[in-house]
Amino acid sequence: MAETETEDPMHGVTLLMMLQRLVDALGWAGLAEKIHIKCFDSDPSIESSLKFLRRTPWAREKVELLYLYTFYPKRAGELARRRRQRT
């Protein structure tokens, strides 16, 4: 395993884990305020949000970035750049 992978806080974190942690920290209203997606605003649920996010790459990227900036604010910019370079 490469050293950069072990330093990446996203390593081993599933979309479900990210979404649950964001909802716990921000609530659905806070999540909808930060990311304007209907599935967060109108009758939100983990299941419907996961279904949408798995089919919509741009929305998933927004959730991943919000996760980084919410829980790893000091390293978020660096980590976001690294993730974009890999794709």
N, C-alpha and C. Protein backbone atom coordinates (compact mmCIF):
# COMPACT_ATOMS: atom_id res chain seq x y z
N MET A 1 0.85 -1.18 0.00
CA MET A 1 0.00 0.00 0.00
C MET A 1 0.89 1.24 0.00
N ALA A 2 0.57 2.19 -0.84
CA ALA A 2 1.37 3.41 -0.95
C ALA A 2 1.18 4.28 0.29
N GLU A 3 2.21 5.06 0.58
CA GLU A 3 2.16 5.93 1.76
C GLU A 3 1.04 6.96 1.66
N THR A 4 0.79 7.50 0.45
CA THR A 4 -0.25 8.52 0.29
C THR A 4 -1.64 7.96 0.57
N GLU A 5 -1.85 6.68 0.28
CA GLU A 5 -3.15 6.08 0.55
C GLU A 5 -3.43 6.00 2.06
N THR A 6 -2.44 5.67 2.84
CA THR A 6 -2.65 5.54 4.28
C THR A 6 -2.86 6.91 4.92
N GLU A 7 -2.35 7.97 4.30
CA GLU A 7 -2.54 9.32 4.83
C GLU A 7 -3.90 9.90 4.43
N ASP A 8 -4.54 9.31 3.45
CA ASP A 8 -5.80 9.82 2.93
C ASP A 8 -6.94 9.45 3.89
N PRO A 9 -7.60 10.43 4.51
CA PRO A 9 -8.69 10.12 5.44
C PRO A 9 -9.91 9.50 4.74
N MET A 10 -9.94 9.56 3.42
CA MET A 10 -11.04 8.96 2.68
C MET A 10 -10.81 7.47 2.43
N HIS A 11 -9.60 7.01 2.66
CA HIS A 11 -9.28 5.60 2.43
C HIS A 11 -10.12 4.72 3.34
N GLY A 12 -10.89 3.83 2.75
CA GLY A 12 -11.72 2.91 3.52
C GLY A 12 -13.06 3.48 3.96
N VAL A 13 -13.34 4.73 3.60
CA VAL A 13 -14.60 5.36 3.99
C VAL A 13 -15.59 5.21 2.85
N THR A 14 -16.71 4.60 3.13
CA THR A 14 -17.72 4.40 2.09
C THR A 14 -18.63 5.63 1.99
N LEU A 15 -19.37 5.70 0.91
CA LEU A 15 -20.32 6.79 0.73
C LEU A 15 -21.35 6.78 1.85
N LEU A 16 -21.79 5.61 2.26
CA LEU A 16 -22.74 5.49 3.37
C LEU A 16 -22.15 6.08 4.66
N MET A 17 -20.91 5.75 4.95
CA MET A 17 -20.26 6.27 6.16
C MET A 17 -20.14 7.80 6.11
N MET A 18 -19.76 8.33 4.95
CA MET A 18 -19.65 9.78 4.79
C MET A 18 -20.99 10.46 5.02
N LEU A 19 -22.02 9.93 4.37
CA LEU A 19 -23.34 10.53 4.46
C LEU A 19 -23.88 10.48 5.88
N GLN A 20 -23.73 9.36 6.55
CA GLN A 20 -24.20 9.25 7.93
C GLN A 20 -23.48 10.23 8.84
N ARG A 21 -22.18 10.35 8.66
CA ARG A 21 -21.41 11.26 9.51
C ARG A 21 -21.80 12.72 9.24
N LEU A 22 -22.01 13.07 7.98
CA LEU A 22 -22.43 14.43 7.64
C LEU A 22 -23.81 14.74 8.20
N VAL A 23 -24.72 13.80 8.09
CA VAL A 23 -26.08 14.00 8.63
C VAL A 23 -26.03 14.14 10.14
N ASP A 24 -25.21 13.34 10.80
CA ASP A 24 -25.06 13.45 12.26
C ASP A 24 -24.51 14.82 12.65
N ALA A 25 -23.56 15.33 11.88
CA ALA A 25 -22.91 16.59 12.23
C ALA A 25 -23.74 17.81 11.82
N LEU A 26 -24.35 17.76 10.63
CA LEU A 26 -25.02 18.94 10.08
C LEU A 26 -26.54 18.85 10.08
N GLY A 27 -27.06 17.63 10.12
CA GLY A 27 -28.50 17.43 9.96
C GLY A 27 -28.87 17.56 8.49
N TRP A 28 -30.06 17.13 8.14
CA TRP A 28 -30.49 17.20 6.73
C TRP A 28 -30.61 18.64 6.26
N ALA A 29 -31.12 19.51 7.14
CA ALA A 29 -31.29 20.92 6.76
C ALA A 29 -29.93 21.57 6.49
N GLY A 30 -28.96 21.29 7.33
CA GLY A 30 -27.62 21.83 7.13
C GLY A 30 -26.96 21.29 5.88
N LEU A 31 -27.18 20.02 5.61
CA LEU A 31 -26.63 19.40 4.41
C LEU A 31 -27.27 20.01 3.16
N ALA A 32 -28.58 20.21 3.20
CA ALA A 32 -29.29 20.81 2.06
C ALA A 32 -28.86 22.26 1.84
N GLU A 33 -28.52 22.94 2.92
CA GLU A 33 -28.07 24.33 2.81
C GLU A 33 -26.70 24.41 2.14
N LYS A 34 -25.83 23.46 2.44
CA LYS A 34 -24.47 23.48 1.89
C LYS A 34 -24.40 22.90 0.49
N ILE A 35 -25.21 21.89 0.22
CA ILE A 35 -25.24 21.27 -1.11
C ILE A 35 -26.70 21.28 -1.57
N HIS A 36 -27.00 22.06 -2.58
CA HIS A 36 -28.38 22.23 -3.04
C HIS A 36 -28.78 21.08 -3.96
N ILE A 37 -29.20 19.99 -3.31
CA ILE A 37 -29.66 18.79 -4.01
C ILE A 37 -31.02 18.43 -3.43
N LYS A 38 -31.97 18.16 -4.30
CA LYS A 38 -33.34 17.91 -3.87
C LYS A 38 -33.45 16.74 -2.87
N CYS A 39 -32.63 15.72 -3.04
CA CYS A 39 -32.73 14.55 -2.15
C CYS A 39 -32.33 14.87 -0.72
N PHE A 40 -31.65 16.00 -0.49
CA PHE A 40 -31.31 16.42 0.87
C PHE A 40 -32.38 17.34 1.44
N ASP A 41 -33.19 17.92 0.59
CA ASP A 41 -34.15 18.94 1.00
C ASP A 41 -35.59 18.42 1.09
N SER A 42 -35.96 17.57 0.17
CA SER A 42 -37.35 17.11 0.07
C SER A 42 -37.46 15.66 0.55
N ASP A 43 -38.03 15.46 1.73
CA ASP A 43 -38.23 14.13 2.31
C ASP A 43 -36.93 13.30 2.28
N PRO A 44 -35.86 13.79 2.91
CA PRO A 44 -34.56 13.13 2.81
C PRO A 44 -34.49 11.81 3.56
N SER A 45 -33.72 10.90 3.00
CA SER A 45 -33.41 9.64 3.68
C SER A 45 -32.04 9.18 3.19
N ILE A 46 -31.42 8.36 3.98
CA ILE A 46 -30.11 7.82 3.61
C ILE A 46 -30.23 7.01 2.33
N GLU A 47 -31.25 6.17 2.24
CA GLU A 47 -31.41 5.28 1.10
C GLU A 47 -31.60 6.05 -0.21
N SER A 48 -32.50 7.03 -0.21
CA SER A 48 -32.74 7.77 -1.45
C SER A 48 -31.53 8.63 -1.83
N SER A 49 -30.86 9.18 -0.84
CA SER A 49 -29.66 9.98 -1.11
C SER A 49 -28.55 9.12 -1.68
N LEU A 50 -28.34 7.93 -1.11
CA LEU A 50 -27.32 7.03 -1.63
C LEU A 50 -27.61 6.64 -3.07
N LYS A 51 -28.85 6.34 -3.36
CA LYS A 51 -29.24 5.96 -4.72
C LYS A 51 -28.90 7.08 -5.70
N PHE A 52 -29.25 8.32 -5.35
CA PHE A 52 -28.97 9.47 -6.20
C PHE A 52 -27.47 9.70 -6.34
N LEU A 53 -26.76 9.69 -5.23
CA LEU A 53 -25.33 9.99 -5.25
C LEU A 53 -24.53 8.94 -6.02
N ARG A 54 -24.94 7.69 -5.97
CA ARG A 54 -24.24 6.64 -6.70
C ARG A 54 -24.42 6.78 -8.21
N ARG A 55 -25.51 7.41 -8.62
CA ARG A 55 -25.78 7.59 -10.05
C ARG A 55 -25.34 8.95 -10.58
N THR A 56 -24.90 9.84 -9.69
CA THR A 56 -24.62 11.22 -10.09
C THR A 56 -23.22 11.62 -9.60
N PRO A 57 -22.22 11.46 -10.47
CA PRO A 57 -20.83 11.71 -10.05
C PRO A 57 -20.58 13.14 -9.53
N TRP A 58 -21.17 14.16 -10.15
CA TRP A 58 -20.91 15.53 -9.69
C TRP A 58 -21.44 15.74 -8.28
N ALA A 59 -22.57 15.13 -7.95
CA ALA A 59 -23.15 15.28 -6.61
C ALA A 59 -22.32 14.51 -5.59
N ARG A 60 -21.87 13.34 -5.97
CA ARG A 60 -21.02 12.55 -5.07
C ARG A 60 -19.73 13.31 -4.75
N GLU A 61 -19.15 13.95 -5.76
CA GLU A 61 -17.92 14.72 -5.53
C GLU A 61 -18.17 15.86 -4.54
N LYS A 62 -19.32 16.52 -4.65
CA LYS A 62 -19.64 17.59 -3.71
C LYS A 62 -19.75 17.06 -2.28
N VAL A 63 -20.35 15.90 -2.12
CA VAL A 63 -20.46 15.29 -0.79
C VAL A 63 -19.08 14.92 -0.26
N GLU A 64 -18.24 14.35 -1.11
CA GLU A 64 -16.89 13.98 -0.69
C GLU A 64 -16.09 15.22 -0.26
N LEU A 65 -16.20 16.29 -1.02
CA LEU A 65 -15.49 17.52 -0.67
C LEU A 65 -16.03 18.13 0.62
N LEU A 66 -17.34 18.12 0.79
CA LEU A 66 -17.92 18.63 2.03
C LEU A 66 -17.44 17.80 3.22
N TYR A 67 -17.37 16.50 3.05
CA TYR A 67 -16.86 15.61 4.10
C TYR A 67 -15.43 16.02 4.49
N LEU A 68 -14.59 16.21 3.47
CA LEU A 68 -13.21 16.61 3.75
C LEU A 68 -13.15 17.95 4.46
N TYR A 69 -13.86 18.95 3.96
CA TYR A 69 -13.81 20.29 4.54
C TYR A 69 -14.47 20.35 5.92
N THR A 70 -15.41 19.46 6.19
CA THR A 70 -16.08 19.44 7.49
C THR A 70 -15.22 18.77 8.55
N PHE A 71 -14.63 17.63 8.22
CA PHE A 71 -13.93 16.84 9.23
C PHE A 71 -12.40 16.93 9.17
N TYR A 72 -11.85 17.45 8.08
CA TYR A 72 -10.40 17.60 7.94
C TYR A 72 -10.08 18.96 7.33
N PRO A 73 -10.53 20.05 7.97
CA PRO A 73 -10.41 21.38 7.35
C PRO A 73 -8.98 21.83 7.08
N LYS A 74 -8.04 21.45 7.90
CA LYS A 74 -6.66 21.89 7.69
C LYS A 74 -6.01 21.24 6.48
N ARG A 75 -6.45 20.04 6.15
CA ARG A 75 -5.83 19.29 5.05
C ARG A 75 -6.74 19.16 3.84
N ALA A 76 -7.93 19.73 3.89
CA ALA A 76 -8.93 19.51 2.85
C ALA A 76 -8.47 19.96 1.46
N GLY A 77 -7.89 21.13 1.35
CA GLY A 77 -7.45 21.62 0.05
C GLY A 77 -6.42 20.72 -0.59
N GLU A 78 -5.44 20.33 0.19
CA GLU A 78 -4.38 19.44 -0.30
C GLU A 78 -4.96 18.08 -0.71
N LEU A 79 -5.84 17.53 0.11
CA LEU A 79 -6.43 16.23 -0.18
C LEU A 79 -7.33 16.28 -1.41
N ALA A 80 -8.07 17.36 -1.57
CA ALA A 80 -8.95 17.51 -2.74
C ALA A 80 -8.11 17.58 -4.01
N ARG A 81 -7.01 18.31 -3.98
CA ARG A 81 -6.13 18.38 -5.16
C ARG A 81 -5.54 17.01 -5.50
N ARG A 82 -5.11 16.29 -4.49
CA ARG A 82 -4.56 14.95 -4.71
C ARG A 82 -5.58 14.01 -5.34
N ARG A 83 -6.80 14.08 -4.83
CA ARG A 83 -7.86 13.20 -5.35
C ARG A 83 -8.17 13.52 -6.80
N ARG A 84 -8.17 14.79 -7.15
CA ARG A 84 -8.45 15.20 -8.54
C ARG A 84 -7.33 14.77 -9.48
N GLN A 85 -6.11 14.78 -9.01
CA GLN A 85 -4.97 14.40 -9.84
C GLN A 85 -5.00 12.91 -10.17
N ARG A 86 -5.57 12.11 -9.28
CA ARG A 86 -5.64 10.65 -9.51
C ARG A 86 -6.65 10.28 -10.57
N THR A 87 -7.65 11.12 -10.78
CA THR A 87 -8.70 10.76 -11.75
C THR A 87 -8.38 11.22 -13.13
